[in-house]
Every structure is written in structure tokens, then in C-alpha cells.
């Protein structure tokens, strides 16, 4: 028997409408307004590992690997695994470094574009 762990190079959360419709908890969704330097909570089902030493993209997911382009550049500040009703979850905090409101490419692979020469 092994340990199921997912490694995530990004943080994929749902659209805020999923919370407003009662389908998801607010921590599972991207806030309606993202503010630079503000810290937000997140919640993901399953045991997840994130890169916490550098900036990663915040993306929107509709599930089943339907993903948006990055909505923001974030830093994961903490991630904790816990069990609720025999289901593993990962919760944590992320800080917004930059919000993207255009169609420009902001990440190359999973690095902010300014880091590549």
C-alpha cells in the first residue's frame, strides 16, 4: 500500500460562483477581488505538495484538467494536511504577488517570465 500524494506546480481553485451557488467552500474558490500583498486561505481535496520557496501561478479550474491561464502570481505561505470524515484535505495560506488582467504570458513553464534570460 502506498501513499497518494499529488505534486502541484500551481494552485488551481474554482470560480467564486461555485461558492455563491453553494457547491464549494469559499476557500476552494478564487476571491472575487484579488488584492496584491493580501493573504488568502485555500482548501484542496487530497494530499497535495506545493513549491513554497518561489512564486507559482494561481489558476482557475473547472475540474477534469480544464484550466485557465494564470490569474495571479502567488506564494504559498503554508500548507497543512488533515483528515475530515475519512477524506484527506490540504489547507493553507497564499499571498498574492501580482494580479494579471491582460492576455500577456506571465509564466514560462512555471517560472515568472522575468526570471528567464
Protein backbone atom coordinates (compact mmCIF):
# COMPACT_ATOMS: atom_id res chain seq x y z
CA UNK A 1 0.00 0.00 0.00
CA UNK A 2 1.39 3.39 -0.97
CA UNK A 3 0.80 6.98 -0.03
CA UNK A 4 -1.14 9.01 -2.58
CA UNK A 5 0.38 12.47 -2.90
CA UNK A 6 -0.16 14.95 -5.70
CA UNK A 7 2.56 17.47 -6.53
CA UNK A 8 1.10 20.75 -7.78
CA UNK A 9 3.24 23.34 -9.61
CA UNK A 10 0.31 25.77 -9.37
CA UNK A 11 -2.70 26.43 -7.16
CA UNK A 12 -5.91 25.64 -9.03
CA UNK A 13 -9.09 26.94 -7.41
CA UNK A 14 -12.69 27.23 -8.58
CA UNK A 15 -14.58 30.29 -9.76
CA UNK A 16 -16.26 32.22 -6.93
CA UNK A 17 -19.65 31.38 -8.48
CA UNK A 18 -19.18 27.82 -7.16
CA UNK A 19 -19.26 29.25 -3.62
CA UNK A 20 -22.17 31.59 -4.37
CA UNK A 21 -24.17 28.64 -5.77
CA UNK A 22 -23.46 26.59 -2.63
CA UNK A 23 -21.31 24.00 -4.41
CA UNK A 24 -17.94 24.80 -2.77
CA UNK A 25 -16.47 26.35 0.34
CA UNK A 26 -15.11 29.86 -0.08
CA UNK A 27 -11.51 28.61 0.47
CA UNK A 28 -11.90 26.38 -2.60
CA UNK A 29 -12.51 29.41 -4.83
CA UNK A 30 -10.60 32.36 -6.20
CA UNK A 31 -11.77 35.52 -4.42
CA UNK A 32 -13.92 37.87 -6.45
CA UNK A 33 -11.32 40.61 -6.00
CA UNK A 34 -7.67 39.62 -5.62
CA UNK A 35 -5.53 42.21 -3.87
CA UNK A 36 -1.74 42.39 -4.20
CA UNK A 37 0.13 41.53 -0.96
CA UNK A 38 -3.05 40.22 0.66
CA UNK A 39 -3.08 36.72 2.16
CA UNK A 40 -5.90 34.28 1.41
CA UNK A 41 -6.84 30.81 2.64
CA UNK A 42 -7.16 27.82 0.31
CA UNK A 43 -8.60 24.32 0.60
CA UNK A 44 -7.98 21.39 -1.72
CA UNK A 45 -9.19 17.81 -1.50
CA UNK A 46 -6.43 15.16 -1.30
CA UNK A 47 -2.87 15.34 -0.07
CA UNK A 48 -1.03 17.99 -2.08
CA UNK A 49 2.51 19.30 -2.10
CA UNK A 50 3.26 22.78 -3.39
CA UNK A 51 6.50 24.58 -4.11
CA UNK A 52 6.70 27.04 -1.23
CA UNK A 53 10.09 28.61 -1.93
CA UNK A 54 9.11 30.59 -5.01
CA UNK A 55 6.26 32.18 -6.92
CA UNK A 56 3.69 29.96 -8.62
CA UNK A 57 0.62 30.67 -10.76
CA UNK A 58 -2.89 30.87 -9.34
CA UNK A 59 -5.22 29.39 -11.93
CA UNK A 60 -8.92 28.68 -12.19
CA UNK A 61 -10.12 25.12 -12.66
CA UNK A 62 -13.46 23.79 -13.82
CA UNK A 63 -12.36 20.28 -12.92
CA UNK A 64 -11.11 17.43 -15.09
CA UNK A 65 -7.97 19.36 -16.08
CA UNK A 66 -9.88 22.28 -17.60
CA UNK A 67 -7.58 25.10 -16.51
CA UNK A 68 -7.30 28.83 -17.18
CA UNK A 69 -4.21 30.85 -17.87
CA UNK A 70 -2.67 32.27 -14.67
CA UNK A 71 -4.91 34.76 -12.86
CA UNK A 72 -2.17 35.84 -10.45
CA UNK A 73 1.34 35.19 -9.24
CA UNK A 74 1.29 33.86 -5.66
CA UNK A 75 3.50 32.44 -2.94
CA UNK A 76 2.26 29.56 -0.79
CA UNK A 77 2.98 30.53 2.82
CA UNK A 78 1.85 27.30 4.45
CA UNK A 79 0.14 24.02 3.59
CA UNK A 80 -1.24 21.51 6.08
CA UNK A 81 -2.74 18.08 5.50
CA UNK A 82 -5.68 16.90 7.60
CA UNK A 83 -8.44 14.29 7.61
CA UNK A 84 -12.17 15.05 7.82
CA UNK A 85 -14.72 12.20 7.60
CA UNK A 86 -12.00 9.85 6.26
CA UNK A 87 -11.15 12.27 3.42
CA UNK A 88 -7.71 13.86 3.19
CA UNK A 89 -7.55 17.61 2.56
CA UNK A 90 -4.81 20.20 2.18
CA UNK A 91 -5.42 23.67 3.55
CA UNK A 92 -3.12 26.64 3.67
CA UNK A 93 -2.38 30.27 3.00
CA UNK A 94 -1.15 32.08 -0.09
CA UNK A 95 -0.07 35.66 -0.69
CA UNK A 96 -0.80 37.46 -3.95
CA UNK A 97 2.32 38.98 -5.53
CA UNK A 98 0.79 40.22 -8.77
CA UNK A 99 -2.67 40.10 -10.39
CA UNK A 100 -2.94 39.55 -14.15
CA UNK A 101 -5.68 41.44 -16.01
CA UNK A 102 -4.40 41.01 -19.55
CA UNK A 103 -3.63 38.31 -22.11
CA UNK A 104 0.17 38.55 -21.83
CA UNK A 105 2.23 35.50 -20.99
CA UNK A 106 3.30 35.82 -17.35
CA UNK A 107 4.92 32.43 -16.75
CA UNK A 108 7.38 30.41 -18.82
CA UNK A 109 6.95 26.81 -17.77
CA UNK A 110 6.28 27.54 -14.11
CA UNK A 111 8.69 30.45 -13.69
CA UNK A 112 7.71 34.13 -13.80
CA UNK A 113 8.85 35.38 -17.23
CA UNK A 114 11.22 37.96 -15.74
CA UNK A 115 13.38 35.16 -14.23
CA UNK A 116 14.42 33.72 -17.61
CA UNK A 117 17.20 35.33 -19.63
